[in-house]
Amino acid sequence: MPLRAYILINTQIGKTAEVAKTLSEMPEVKKLDIIMGPYDIITEVETEDHDTLSEVVLRKLQSIPYIQHTMTCPVVKMGETH
């Protein structure tokens, strides 16, 4: 079963749209929103497992210019909520 996670991202001032465009081209990113508050972007990502999620965060996201900070929040249980 795939692993879903939300990643909250801080960007450098004035670079949010550029970072969002780069993120939207990643196959693991299923949804992306620019938000207001302590973070600038929230993404929903889907990977095969925790190891692949780590690779996405450590190798792909951290190599994107203008990302200052990320917080990764894996989804604990997938399925329908009632």
Protein backbone atom coordinates (compact mmCIF):
# COMPACT_ATOMS: atom_id res chain seq x y z
CA MET A 1 0.00 0.00 0.00
CA PRO A 2 1.42 3.43 -0.92
CA LEU A 3 2.50 5.89 1.74
CA ARG A 4 0.91 9.35 1.73
CA ALA A 5 2.41 12.37 3.45
CA TYR A 6 1.87 16.09 3.69
CA ILE A 7 4.93 18.28 3.40
CA LEU A 8 4.83 21.85 4.69
CA ILE A 9 7.37 24.10 3.02
CA ASN A 10 8.89 27.52 3.79
CA THR A 11 10.40 29.37 0.85
CA GLN A 12 12.49 32.49 0.48
CA ILE A 13 10.38 35.64 0.17
CA GLY A 14 9.22 36.18 -3.39
CA LYS A 15 10.15 32.65 -4.55
CA THR A 16 7.02 30.68 -3.59
CA ALA A 17 5.56 30.53 -7.12
CA GLU A 18 8.87 29.37 -8.58
CA VAL A 19 9.21 26.61 -5.97
CA ALA A 20 5.56 25.58 -6.49
CA LYS A 21 6.14 25.23 -10.25
CA THR A 22 9.17 22.98 -9.66
CA LEU A 23 7.27 20.87 -7.13
CA SER A 24 4.27 20.47 -9.42
CA GLU A 25 6.51 18.74 -11.97
CA MET A 26 7.51 15.99 -9.51
CA PRO A 27 5.56 12.74 -10.07
CA GLU A 28 5.31 12.09 -6.32
CA VAL A 29 3.41 15.37 -5.74
CA LYS A 30 -0.30 14.59 -5.99
CA LYS A 31 -1.61 17.96 -4.76
CA LEU A 32 -0.06 21.33 -4.05
CA ASP A 33 -1.45 24.52 -2.53
CA ILE A 34 0.12 27.87 -1.77
CA ILE A 35 -1.06 28.83 1.70
CA MET A 36 -0.86 31.68 4.20
CA GLY A 37 0.53 31.27 7.70
CA PRO A 38 3.81 29.93 9.05
CA TYR A 39 4.35 27.88 5.85
CA ASP A 40 4.12 28.95 2.21
CA ILE A 41 3.28 25.68 0.46
CA ILE A 42 1.60 22.42 1.43
CA THR A 43 2.00 19.36 -0.77
CA GLU A 44 0.45 15.94 -0.66
CA VAL A 45 2.93 13.32 -1.82
CA GLU A 46 2.60 9.62 -2.41
CA THR A 47 5.49 7.16 -2.38
CA GLU A 48 5.95 3.39 -2.21
CA ASP A 49 7.27 3.38 1.37
CA HIS A 50 9.11 5.35 4.07
CA ASP A 51 12.48 4.84 2.39
CA THR A 52 11.22 6.34 -0.85
CA LEU A 53 9.63 9.23 1.07
CA SER A 54 13.00 9.91 2.70
CA GLU A 55 14.66 9.95 -0.72
CA VAL A 56 12.09 12.43 -2.05
CA VAL A 57 12.56 14.78 0.90
CA LEU A 58 16.34 14.48 1.30
CA ARG A 59 17.39 14.35 -2.34
CA LYS A 60 14.66 16.02 -4.39
CA LEU A 61 13.12 18.67 -2.14
CA GLN A 62 16.32 19.75 -0.46
CA SER A 63 17.95 20.28 -3.85
CA ILE A 64 15.30 22.80 -4.94
CA PRO A 65 16.65 26.34 -4.66
CA TYR A 66 14.77 28.73 -2.35
CA ILE A 67 13.32 26.08 -0.01
CA GLN A 68 14.34 27.10 3.49
CA HIS A 69 12.57 24.57 5.69
CA THR A 70 10.28 21.55 5.38
CA MET A 71 8.11 19.57 7.78
CA THR A 72 7.05 16.09 6.68
CA CYS A 73 3.85 14.62 8.14
CA PRO A 74 3.22 11.00 7.02
CA VAL A 75 -0.41 9.88 7.05
CA VAL A 76 -0.86 7.26 9.77
CA LYS A 77 -3.86 5.42 8.36
CA MET A 78 -5.14 5.39 4.80
CA GLY A 79 -8.72 4.65 4.00
CA GLU A 80 -12.12 6.22 4.28
CA THR A 81 -13.09 8.28 7.29
CA HIS A 82 -16.63 8.28 8.60
